[in-house]
C-alpha atoms as a PDB file:
ATOM      1  CA  MET A   1       6.288 -21.414   8.207  1.00  0.00           C
ATOM      2  CA  LYS A   2       4.939 -18.297   6.516  1.00  0.00           C
ATOM      3  CA  GLU A   3       7.649 -16.123   4.991  1.00  0.00           C
ATOM      4  CA  LYS A   4       7.390 -12.474   6.009  1.00  0.00           C
ATOM      5  CA  THR A   5       7.734  -9.958   3.226  1.00  0.00           C
ATOM      6  CA  CYS A   6       8.712  -6.350   3.673  1.00  0.00           C
ATOM      7  CA  TYR A   7       6.836  -3.753   1.636  1.00  0.00           C
ATOM      8  CA  CYS A   8       7.919  -0.280   0.590  1.00  0.00           C
ATOM      9  CA  PRO A   9       6.168   2.246   2.861  1.00  0.00           C
ATOM     10  CA  TYR A  10       5.928   4.703  -0.051  1.00  0.00           C
ATOM     11  CA  CYS A  11       4.632   2.660  -3.020  1.00  0.00           C
ATOM     12  CA  GLN A  12       3.634  -0.622  -1.261  1.00  0.00           C
ATOM     13  CA  SER A  13       5.813  -2.666  -3.656  1.00  0.00           C
ATOM     14  CA  ALA A  14       7.283  -5.974  -2.472  1.00  0.00           C
ATOM     15  CA  GLU A  15      10.380  -5.576  -4.676  1.00  0.00           C
ATOM     16  CA  ILE A  16      12.778  -4.672  -1.857  1.00  0.00           C
ATOM     17  CA  VAL A  17      16.522  -5.295  -1.696  1.00  0.00           C
ATOM     18  CA  LYS A  18      18.930  -4.915   1.188  1.00  0.00           C
ATOM     19  CA  ASN A  19      21.021  -1.765   0.880  1.00  0.00           C
ATOM     20  CA  GLY A  20      23.692  -1.849   3.584  1.00  0.00           C
ATOM     21  CA  LEU A  21      23.370  -0.580   7.128  1.00  0.00           C
ATOM     22  CA  THR A  22      22.387   2.776   8.560  1.00  0.00           C
ATOM     23  CA  ARG A  23      24.873   4.660  10.708  1.00  0.00           C
ATOM     24  CA  HIS A  24      23.029   3.238  13.727  1.00  0.00           C
ATOM     25  CA  GLY A  25      23.600  -0.336  12.575  1.00  0.00           C
ATOM     26  CA  LYS A  26      20.051  -1.076  11.369  1.00  0.00           C
ATOM     27  CA  GLN A  27      19.364  -2.816   8.062  1.00  0.00           C
ATOM     28  CA  ASN A  28      18.702  -0.371   5.227  1.00  0.00           C
ATOM     29  CA  HIS A  29      16.410  -1.340   2.340  1.00  0.00           C
ATOM     30  CA  LYS A  30      15.855   0.071  -1.136  1.00  0.00           C
ATOM     31  CA  CYS A  31      12.741  -0.224  -3.276  1.00  0.00           C
ATOM     32  CA  ARG A  32      13.417  -1.316  -6.851  1.00  0.00           C
ATOM     33  CA  VAL A  33      10.226   0.334  -8.099  1.00  0.00           C
ATOM     34  CA  CYS A  34      10.372   3.864  -6.670  1.00  0.00           C
ATOM     35  CA  GLY A  35      14.054   3.925  -5.632  1.00  0.00           C
ATOM     36  CA  ARG A  36      13.326   5.165  -2.096  1.00  0.00           C
ATOM     37  CA  GLN A  37      15.509   3.991   0.778  1.00  0.00           C
ATOM     38  CA  PHE A  38      14.149   3.137   4.202  1.00  0.00           C
ATOM     39  CA  SER A  39      15.039   1.220   7.314  1.00  0.00           C
ATOM     40  CA  GLY A  40      12.741  -0.996   9.343  1.00  0.00           C
ATOM     41  CA  ARG A  41      13.128   1.423  12.276  1.00  0.00           C
ATOM     42  CA  GLY A  42      13.243  -1.564  14.628  1.00  0.00           C
ATOM     43  CA  VAL A  43       9.824  -2.834  13.529  1.00  0.00           C
ATOM     44  CA  ALA A  44       9.162  -6.291  12.112  1.00  0.00           C
ATOM     45  CA  PRO A  45       8.511  -6.422   8.366  1.00  0.00           C
ATOM     46  CA  CYS A  46       5.306  -4.584   7.613  1.00  0.00           C
ATOM     47  CA  GLU A  47       2.219  -5.763   5.800  1.00  0.00           C
ATOM     48  CA  PRO A  48       0.660  -3.600   3.111  1.00  0.00           C
ATOM     49  CA  PRO A  49      -2.400  -1.657   4.202  1.00  0.00           C
ATOM     50  CA  SER A  50      -5.698  -3.442   3.791  1.00  0.00           C
ATOM     51  CA  GLU A  51      -7.717  -2.577   0.716  1.00  0.00           C
ATOM     52  CA  PRO A  52     -10.313  -0.338   2.456  1.00  0.00           C
ATOM     53  CA  VAL A  53      -7.543   1.584   4.245  1.00  0.00           C
ATOM     54  CA  LEU A  54      -5.599   2.039   0.998  1.00  0.00           C
ATOM     55  CA  LEU A  55      -8.752   3.152  -0.842  1.00  0.00           C
ATOM     56  CA  ASP A  56      -9.504   5.639   1.917  1.00  0.00           C
ATOM     57  CA  ARG A  57      -5.978   7.075   1.690  1.00  0.00           C
ATOM     58  CA  LEU A  58      -6.171   7.374  -2.095  1.00  0.00           C
ATOM     59  CA  LEU A  59      -9.574   9.068  -1.898  1.00  0.00           C
ATOM     60  CA  GLN A  60      -8.238  11.533   0.683  1.00  0.00           C
ATOM     61  CA  GLU A  61      -5.506  12.448  -1.800  1.00  0.00           C
ATOM     62  CA  ARG A  62      -8.323  13.357  -4.225  1.00  0.00           C
ATOM     63  CA  LEU A  63      -7.053  11.045  -6.959  1.00  0.00           C
ATOM     64  CA  SER A  64      -9.267  10.208  -9.895  1.00  0.00           C
ATOM     65  CA  MET A  65     -10.936   6.818 -10.140  1.00  0.00           C
ATOM     66  CA  ARG A  66      -8.829   6.016 -13.182  1.00  0.00           C
ATOM     67  CA  SER A  67      -5.576   6.668 -11.290  1.00  0.00           C
ATOM     68  CA  ILE A  68      -6.831   4.659  -8.300  1.00  0.00           C
ATOM     69  CA  SER A  69      -7.616   1.742 -10.618  1.00  0.00           C
ATOM     70  CA  ARG A  70      -4.079   1.949 -12.072  1.00  0.00           C
ATOM     71  CA  ILE A  71      -2.509   2.004  -8.598  1.00  0.00           C
ATOM     72  CA  MET A  72      -4.616  -0.923  -7.359  1.00  0.00           C
ATOM     73  CA  GLN A  73      -4.242  -2.752 -10.697  1.00  0.00           C
ATOM     74  CA  THR A  74      -7.971  -3.382 -11.102  1.00  0.00           C
ATOM     75  CA  SER A  75     -10.504  -2.456 -13.747  1.00  0.00           C
ATOM     76  CA  LEU A  76     -12.396   0.809 -13.566  1.00  0.00           C
ATOM     77  CA  GLY A  77     -15.679  -0.988 -12.812  1.00  0.00           C
ATOM     78  CA  THR A  78     -14.152  -3.021  -9.992  1.00  0.00           C
ATOM     79  CA  THR A  79     -12.584   0.114  -8.541  1.00  0.00           C
ATOM     80  CA  TYR A  80     -15.958   1.891  -8.645  1.00  0.00           C
ATOM     81  CA  ASN A  81     -17.677  -1.002  -6.838  1.00  0.00           C
ATOM     82  CA  ARG A  82     -14.986  -1.142  -4.155  1.00  0.00           C
ATOM     83  CA  ILE A  83     -15.113   2.631  -3.602  1.00  0.00           C
ATOM     84  CA  MET A  84     -18.892   2.485  -3.242  1.00  0.00           C
ATOM     85  CA  ALA A  85     -18.508  -0.363  -0.734  1.00  0.00           C
ATOM     86  CA  VAL A  86     -16.034   1.716   1.315  1.00  0.00           C
ATOM     87  CA  LEU A  87     -18.092   4.912   1.157  1.00  0.00           C
ATOM     88  CA  ASN A  88     -21.412   3.215   1.930  1.00  0.00           C
ATOM     89  CA  PRO A  89     -20.668   0.138   4.081  1.00  0.00           C
ATOM     90  CA  LEU A  90     -24.384  -0.492   4.757  1.00  0.00           C
ATOM     91  CA  GLY A  91     -25.239  -0.697   1.072  1.00  0.00           C
ATOM     92  CA  ASP A  92     -28.820  -0.235  -0.096  1.00  0.00           C
ATOM     93  CA  LYS A  93     -30.157  -1.880   3.091  1.00  0.00           C
ATOM     94  CA  SER A  94     -29.908   1.375   5.060  1.00  0.00           C
ATOM     95  CA  ASN A  95     -33.515   2.364   4.198  1.00  0.00           C
END
């Protein structure tokens, strides 16, 4: 059986600990990385956004390629190739 992992909705880290209950009786969680608290809001544990969706969000925030590569923990060249794949899904075959 696949174990479901909850991810922080703010930094996408999997380092989550239980942090008591909310006043409505729902489980409260705390991220060890960014320190933010959140509850599941009645939803099953979430999956992190897929790579193209995350890249799109980071590009919309107008972050530099170097900061995107740090966030995604990839090299600068790999980040460039992935951004080009997201921005131009047809590649060079569009001619």
